[in-house]
Amino acid sequence: NWLVNVFQHNEIEKLVIEIGSDVVLP
């Protein structure tokens, strides 16, 4: 649900995902 909301409200064509302390979530 969070991702669908993010993509509906932003013009995203490329994505950089930071891998921080929680390795699995990204």
PDB file of all heavy atoms in Angstrom:
ATOM      1  N   ASN A   1       0.826  -1.217   0.000  1.00  0.00           N
ATOM      2  CA  ASN A   1       0.000   0.000   0.000  1.00  0.00           C
ATOM      3  C   ASN A   1       0.854   1.258   0.000  1.00  0.00           C
ATOM      4  O   ASN A   1       0.538   2.231  -0.698  1.00  0.00           O
ATOM      5  CB  ASN A   1      -0.950  -0.003   1.200  1.00  0.00           C
ATOM      6  CG  ASN A   1      -2.053  -1.019   1.027  1.00  0.00           C
ATOM      7  OD1 ASN A   1      -2.370  -1.437  -0.078  1.00  0.00           O
ATOM      8  ND2 ASN A   1      -2.648  -1.432   2.144  1.00  0.00           N
ATOM      9  N   TRP A   2       1.930   1.264   0.772  1.00  0.00           N
ATOM     10  CA  TRP A   2       2.812   2.424   0.822  1.00  0.00           C
ATOM     11  C   TRP A   2       3.454   2.658  -0.547  1.00  0.00           C
ATOM     12  O   TRP A   2       3.488   3.789  -1.047  1.00  0.00           O
ATOM     13  CB  TRP A   2       3.877   2.233   1.906  1.00  0.00           C
ATOM     14  CG  TRP A   2       4.884   3.326   1.925  1.00  0.00           C
ATOM     15  CD1 TRP A   2       4.715   4.591   2.405  1.00  0.00           C
ATOM     16  CD2 TRP A   2       6.219   3.266   1.417  1.00  0.00           C
ATOM     17  NE1 TRP A   2       5.874   5.313   2.227  1.00  0.00           N
ATOM     18  CE2 TRP A   2       6.804   4.519   1.631  1.00  0.00           C
ATOM     19  CE3 TRP A   2       6.975   2.259   0.822  1.00  0.00           C
ATOM     20  CZ2 TRP A   2       8.114   4.796   1.259  1.00  0.00           C
ATOM     21  CZ3 TRP A   2       8.280   2.542   0.443  1.00  0.00           C
ATOM     22  CH2 TRP A   2       8.830   3.803   0.669  1.00  0.00           C
ATOM     23  N   LEU A   3       3.945   1.586  -1.186  1.00  0.00           N
ATOM     24  CA  LEU A   3       4.585   1.729  -2.495  1.00  0.00           C
ATOM     25  C   LEU A   3       3.627   2.232  -3.565  1.00  0.00           C
ATOM     26  O   LEU A   3       3.985   3.104  -4.362  1.00  0.00           O
ATOM     27  CB  LEU A   3       5.155   0.385  -2.944  1.00  0.00           C
ATOM     28  CG  LEU A   3       6.587   0.116  -2.572  1.00  0.00           C
ATOM     29  CD1 LEU A   3       6.990  -1.276  -2.990  1.00  0.00           C
ATOM     30  CD2 LEU A   3       7.507   1.143  -3.168  1.00  0.00           C
ATOM     31  N   VAL A   4       2.438   1.681  -3.606  1.00  0.00           N
ATOM     32  CA  VAL A   4       1.451   2.131  -4.593  1.00  0.00           C
ATOM     33  C   VAL A   4       1.177   3.625  -4.395  1.00  0.00           C
ATOM     34  O   VAL A   4       1.128   4.387  -5.362  1.00  0.00           O
ATOM     35  CB  VAL A   4       0.161   1.287  -4.502  1.00  0.00           C
ATOM     36  CG1 VAL A   4      -0.956   1.904  -5.335  1.00  0.00           C
ATOM     37  CG2 VAL A   4       0.432  -0.144  -4.952  1.00  0.00           C
ATOM     38  N   ASN A   5       1.060   4.051  -3.164  1.00  0.00           N
ATOM     39  CA  ASN A   5       0.837   5.468  -2.854  1.00  0.00           C
ATOM     40  C   ASN A   5       2.027   6.316  -3.306  1.00  0.00           C
ATOM     41  O   ASN A   5       1.845   7.383  -3.901  1.00  0.00           O
ATOM     42  CB  ASN A   5       0.571   5.638  -1.358  1.00  0.00           C
ATOM     43  CG  ASN A   5       0.188   7.048  -1.008  1.00  0.00           C
ATOM     44  OD1 ASN A   5      -0.408   7.765  -1.804  1.00  0.00           O
ATOM     45  ND2 ASN A   5       0.522   7.460   0.197  1.00  0.00           N
ATOM     46  N   VAL A   6       3.234   5.868  -3.037  1.00  0.00           N
ATOM     47  CA  VAL A   6       4.438   6.606  -3.438  1.00  0.00           C
ATOM     48  C   VAL A   6       4.486   6.760  -4.959  1.00  0.00           C
ATOM     49  O   VAL A   6       4.731   7.842  -5.486  1.00  0.00           O
ATOM     50  CB  VAL A   6       5.714   5.902  -2.920  1.00  0.00           C
ATOM     51  CG1 VAL A   6       6.960   6.431  -3.612  1.00  0.00           C
ATOM     52  CG2 VAL A   6       5.835   6.069  -1.410  1.00  0.00           C
ATOM     53  N   PHE A   7       4.219   5.688  -5.684  1.00  0.00           N
ATOM     54  CA  PHE A   7       4.281   5.743  -7.143  1.00  0.00           C
ATOM     55  C   PHE A   7       3.149   6.563  -7.739  1.00  0.00           C
ATOM     56  O   PHE A   7       3.312   7.172  -8.784  1.00  0.00           O
ATOM     57  CB  PHE A   7       4.301   4.329  -7.739  1.00  0.00           C
ATOM     58  CG  PHE A   7       5.685   3.757  -7.828  1.00  0.00           C
ATOM     59  CD1 PHE A   7       6.263   3.155  -6.728  1.00  0.00           C
ATOM     60  CD2 PHE A   7       6.410   3.831  -9.001  1.00  0.00           C
ATOM     61  CE1 PHE A   7       7.539   2.621  -6.793  1.00  0.00           C
ATOM     62  CE2 PHE A   7       7.687   3.310  -9.083  1.00  0.00           C
ATOM     63  CZ  PHE A   7       8.255   2.705  -7.971  1.00  0.00           C
ATOM     64  N   GLN A   8       2.001   6.601  -7.092  1.00  0.00           N
ATOM     65  CA  GLN A   8       0.888   7.400  -7.608  1.00  0.00           C
ATOM     66  C   GLN A   8       1.138   8.893  -7.437  1.00  0.00           C
ATOM     67  O   GLN A   8       0.627   9.694  -8.207  1.00  0.00           O
ATOM     68  CB  GLN A   8      -0.413   7.021  -6.904  1.00  0.00           C
ATOM     69  CG  GLN A   8      -0.964   5.688  -7.346  1.00  0.00           C
ATOM     70  CD  GLN A   8      -2.200   5.277  -6.555  1.00  0.00           C
ATOM     71  OE1 GLN A   8      -2.503   5.836  -5.513  1.00  0.00           O
ATOM     72  NE2 GLN A   8      -2.896   4.274  -7.063  1.00  0.00           N
ATOM     73  N   HIS A   9       1.929   9.282  -6.450  1.00  0.00           N
ATOM     74  CA  HIS A   9       2.138  10.697  -6.151  1.00  0.00           C
ATOM     75  C   HIS A   9       3.494  11.236  -6.619  1.00  0.00           C
ATOM     76  O   HIS A   9       3.817  12.381  -6.356  1.00  0.00           O
ATOM     77  CB  HIS A   9       1.976  10.944  -4.649  1.00  0.00           C
ATOM     78  CG  HIS A   9       0.564  10.747  -4.192  1.00  0.00           C
ATOM     79  ND1 HIS A   9       0.112   9.564  -3.667  1.00  0.00           N
ATOM     80  CD2 HIS A   9      -0.506  11.576  -4.233  1.00  0.00           C
ATOM     81  CE1 HIS A   9      -1.171   9.671  -3.373  1.00  0.00           C
ATOM     82  NE2 HIS A   9      -1.576  10.876  -3.720  1.00  0.00           N
ATOM     83  N   ASN A  10       4.285  10.408  -7.283  1.00  0.00           N
ATOM     84  CA  ASN A  10       5.602  10.841  -7.754  1.00  0.00           C
ATOM     85  C   ASN A  10       5.840  10.310  -9.164  1.00  0.00           C
ATOM     86  O   ASN A  10       5.433   9.201  -9.493  1.00  0.00           O
ATOM     87  CB  ASN A  10       6.708  10.313  -6.830  1.00  0.00           C
ATOM     88  CG  ASN A  10       6.592  10.881  -5.439  1.00  0.00           C
ATOM     89  OD1 ASN A  10       6.895  12.039  -5.202  1.00  0.00           O
ATOM     90  ND2 ASN A  10       6.125  10.073  -4.512  1.00  0.00           N
ATOM     91  N   GLU A  11       6.523  11.101  -9.959  1.00  0.00           N
ATOM     92  CA  GLU A  11       6.866  10.698 -11.317  1.00  0.00           C
ATOM     93  C   GLU A  11       8.204   9.958 -11.281  1.00  0.00           C
ATOM     94  O   GLU A  11       9.256  10.492 -11.609  1.00  0.00           O
ATOM     95  CB  GLU A  11       6.964  11.930 -12.218  1.00  0.00           C
ATOM     96  CG  GLU A  11       7.144  11.607 -13.660  1.00  0.00           C
ATOM     97  CD  GLU A  11       7.283  12.863 -14.500  1.00  0.00           C
ATOM     98  OE1 GLU A  11       6.729  13.901 -14.130  1.00  0.00           O
ATOM     99  OE2 GLU A  11       7.957  12.777 -15.526  1.00  0.00           O
ATOM    100  N   ILE A  12       8.170   8.705 -10.883  1.00  0.00           N
ATOM    101  CA  ILE A  12       9.376   7.913 -10.686  1.00  0.00           C
ATOM    102  C   ILE A  12       9.668   7.103 -11.949  1.00  0.00           C
ATOM    103  O   ILE A  12       8.834   6.344 -12.408  1.00  0.00           O
ATOM    104  CB  ILE A  12       9.222   6.963  -9.484  1.00  0.00           C
ATOM    105  CG1 ILE A  12       8.959   7.756  -8.211  1.00  0.00           C
ATOM    106  CG2 ILE A  12      10.463   6.086  -9.332  1.00  0.00           C
ATOM    107  CD1 ILE A  12       8.610   6.894  -7.012  1.00  0.00           C
ATOM    108  N   GLU A  13      10.875   7.295 -12.489  1.00  0.00           N
ATOM    109  CA  GLU A  13      11.297   6.503 -13.636  1.00  0.00           C
ATOM    110  C   GLU A  13      12.546   5.692 -13.343  1.00  0.00           C
ATOM    111  O   GLU A  13      12.850   4.756 -14.068  1.00  0.00           O
ATOM    112  CB  GLU A  13      11.506   7.394 -14.849  1.00  0.00           C
ATOM    113  CG  GLU A  13      10.193   7.929 -15.386  1.00  0.00           C
ATOM    114  CD  GLU A  13      10.350   8.592 -16.737  1.00  0.00           C
ATOM    115  OE1 GLU A  13      11.462   8.580 -17.297  1.00  0.00           O
ATOM    116  OE2 GLU A  13       9.343   9.132 -17.231  1.00  0.00           O
ATOM    117  N   LYS A  14      13.279   6.074 -12.316  1.00  0.00           N
ATOM    118  CA  LYS A  14      14.459   5.340 -11.864  1.00  0.00           C
ATOM    119  C   LYS A  14      14.478   5.426 -10.355  1.00  0.00           C
ATOM    120  O   LYS A  14      14.078   6.436  -9.781  1.00  0.00           O
ATOM    121  CB  LYS A  14      15.740   5.949 -12.436  1.00  0.00           C
ATOM    122  CG  LYS A  14      15.809   5.891 -13.937  1.00  0.00           C
ATOM    123  CD  LYS A  14      17.027   6.599 -14.449  1.00  0.00           C
ATOM    124  CE  LYS A  14      17.027   6.636 -15.959  1.00  0.00           C
ATOM    125  NZ  LYS A  14      18.138   7.434 -16.480  1.00  0.00           N
ATOM    126  N   LEU A  15      14.970   4.354  -9.722  1.00  0.00           N
ATOM    127  CA  LEU A  15      14.909   4.308  -8.272  1.00  0.00           C
ATOM    128  C   LEU A  15      16.234   3.838  -7.695  1.00  0.00           C
ATOM    129  O   LEU A  15      16.811   2.847  -8.152  1.00  0.00           O
ATOM    130  CB  LEU A  15      13.790   3.363  -7.835  1.00  0.00           C
ATOM    131  CG  LEU A  15      13.378   3.364  -6.389  1.00  0.00           C
ATOM    132  CD1 LEU A  15      12.852   4.736  -5.961  1.00  0.00           C
ATOM    133  CD2 LEU A  15      12.304   2.323  -6.152  1.00  0.00           C
ATOM    134  N   VAL A  16      16.714   4.564  -6.692  1.00  0.00           N
ATOM    135  CA  VAL A  16      17.877   4.172  -5.916  1.00  0.00           C
ATOM    136  C   VAL A  16      17.347   3.803  -4.534  1.00  0.00           C
ATOM    137  O   VAL A  16      16.640   4.586  -3.914  1.00  0.00           O
ATOM    138  CB  VAL A  16      18.898   5.333  -5.795  1.00  0.00           C
ATOM    139  CG1 VAL A  16      20.061   4.931  -4.909  1.00  0.00           C
ATOM    140  CG2 VAL A  16      19.370   5.774  -7.170  1.00  0.00           C
ATOM    141  N   ILE A  17      17.669   2.591  -4.085  1.00  0.00           N
ATOM    142  CA  ILE A  17      17.212   2.150  -2.773  1.00  0.00           C
ATOM    143  C   ILE A  17      18.423   1.955  -1.878  1.00  0.00           C
ATOM    144  O   ILE A  17      19.328   1.169  -2.190  1.00  0.00           O
ATOM    145  CB  ILE A  17      16.399   0.845  -2.853  1.00  0.00           C
ATOM    146  CG1 ILE A  17      15.184   1.011  -3.760  1.00  0.00           C
ATOM    147  CG2 ILE A  17      15.963   0.402  -1.454  1.00  0.00           C
ATOM    148  CD1 ILE A  17      14.373  -0.260  -3.959  1.00  0.00           C
ATOM    149  N   GLU A  18      18.434   2.686  -0.780  1.00  0.00           N
ATOM    150  CA  GLU A  18      19.518   2.584   0.189  1.00  0.00           C
ATOM    151  C   GLU A  18      19.344   1.320   1.027  1.00  0.00           C
ATOM    152  O   GLU A  18      18.259   1.041   1.526  1.00  0.00           O
ATOM    153  CB  GLU A  18      19.499   3.804   1.108  1.00  0.00           C
ATOM    154  CG  GLU A  18      20.452   3.705   2.264  1.00  0.00           C
ATOM    155  CD  GLU A  18      20.077   4.620   3.417  1.00  0.00           C
ATOM    156  OE1 GLU A  18      19.084   5.336   3.332  1.00  0.00           O
ATOM    157  OE2 GLU A  18      20.806   4.574   4.413  1.00  0.00           O
ATOM    158  N   ILE A  19      20.418   0.566   1.160  1.00  0.00           N
ATOM    159  CA  ILE A  19      20.421  -0.576   2.068  1.00  0.00           C
ATOM    160  C   ILE A  19      21.100  -0.102   3.348  1.00  0.00           C
ATOM    161  O   ILE A  19      22.299   0.154   3.372  1.00  0.00           O
ATOM    162  CB  ILE A  19      21.165  -1.782   1.483  1.00  0.00           C
ATOM    163  CG1 ILE A  19      20.502  -2.220   0.182  1.00  0.00           C
ATOM    164  CG2 ILE A  19      21.208  -2.927   2.496  1.00  0.00           C
ATOM    165  CD1 ILE A  19      21.234  -3.329  -0.536  1.00  0.00           C
ATOM    166  N   GLY A  20      20.304   0.049   4.391  1.00  0.00           N
ATOM    167  CA  GLY A  20      20.824   0.531   5.671  1.00  0.00           C
ATOM    168  C   GLY A  20      20.937  -0.598   6.673  1.00  0.00           C
ATOM    169  O   GLY A  20      21.334  -1.714   6.341  1.00  0.00           O
ATOM    170  N   SER A  21      20.537  -0.321   7.900  1.00  0.00           N
ATOM    171  CA  SER A  21      20.651  -1.323   8.962  1.00  0.00           C
ATOM    172  C   SER A  21      19.678  -2.485   8.767  1.00  0.00           C
ATOM    173  O   SER A  21      19.977  -3.615   9.133  1.00  0.00           O
ATOM    174  CB  SER A  21      20.437  -0.673  10.326  1.00  0.00           C
ATOM    175  OG  SER A  21      19.157  -0.072  10.372  1.00  0.00           O
ATOM    176  N   ASP A  22      18.507  -2.218   8.204  1.00  0.00           N
ATOM    177  CA  ASP A  22      17.554  -3.285   7.888  1.00  0.00           C
ATOM    178  C   ASP A  22      17.839  -3.747   6.464  1.00  0.00           C
ATOM    179  O   ASP A  22      17.451  -3.094   5.499  1.00  0.00           O
ATOM    180  CB  ASP A  22      16.116  -2.790   8.018  1.00  0.00           C
ATOM    181  CG  ASP A  22      15.087  -3.880   7.792  1.00  0.00           C
ATOM    182  OD1 ASP A  22      15.457  -4.972   7.324  1.00  0.00           O
ATOM    183  OD2 ASP A  22      13.899  -3.638   8.071  1.00  0.00           O
ATOM    184  N   VAL A  23      18.514  -4.865   6.329  1.00  0.00           N
ATOM    185  CA  VAL A  23      18.957  -5.336   5.025  1.00  0.00           C
ATOM    186  C   VAL A  23      17.813  -5.920   4.204  1.00  0.00           C
ATOM    187  O   VAL A  23      17.782  -5.787   2.984  1.00  0.00           O
ATOM    188  CB  VAL A  23      20.094  -6.372   5.198  1.00  0.00           C
ATOM    189  CG1 VAL A  23      20.503  -6.971   3.878  1.00  0.00           C
ATOM    190  CG2 VAL A  23      21.276  -5.727   5.878  1.00  0.00           C
ATOM    191  N   VAL A  24      16.848  -6.538   4.839  1.00  0.00           N
ATOM    192  CA  VAL A  24      15.782  -7.231   4.125  1.00  0.00           C
ATOM    193  C   VAL A  24      14.751  -6.267   3.532  1.00  0.00           C
ATOM    194  O   VAL A  24      14.293  -6.457   2.398  1.00  0.00           O
ATOM    195  CB  VAL A  24      15.100  -8.271   5.043  1.00  0.00           C
ATOM    196  CG1 VAL A  24      13.897  -8.897   4.375  1.00  0.00           C
ATOM    197  CG2 VAL A  24      16.096  -9.352   5.445  1.00  0.00           C
ATOM    198  N   LEU A  25      14.364  -5.229   4.253  1.00  0.00           N
ATOM    199  CA  LEU A  25      13.311  -4.315   3.797  1.00  0.00           C
ATOM    200  C   LEU A  25      13.560  -3.740   2.403  1.00  0.00           C
ATOM    201  O   LEU A  25      12.638  -3.719   1.581  1.00  0.00           O
ATOM    202  CB  LEU A  25      13.080  -3.200   4.818  1.00  0.00           C
ATOM    203  CG  LEU A  25      11.994  -2.189   4.468  1.00  0.00           C
ATOM    204  CD1 LEU A  25      10.640  -2.879   4.289  1.00  0.00           C
ATOM    205  CD2 LEU A  25      11.913  -1.104   5.537  1.00  0.00           C
ATOM    206  N   PRO A  26      14.754  -3.280   2.061  1.00  0.00           N
ATOM    207  CA  PRO A  26      14.961  -2.769   0.697  1.00  0.00           C
ATOM    208  C   PRO A  26      14.677  -3.809  -0.387  1.00  0.00           C
ATOM    209  O   PRO A  26      14.122  -3.492  -1.435  1.00  0.00           O
ATOM    210  CB  PRO A  26      16.432  -2.358   0.686  1.00  0.00           C
ATOM    211  CG  PRO A  26      16.741  -2.073   2.108  1.00  0.00           C
ATOM    212  CD  PRO A  26      15.931  -3.049   2.900  1.00  0.00           C
TER     213      PRO A  26
END
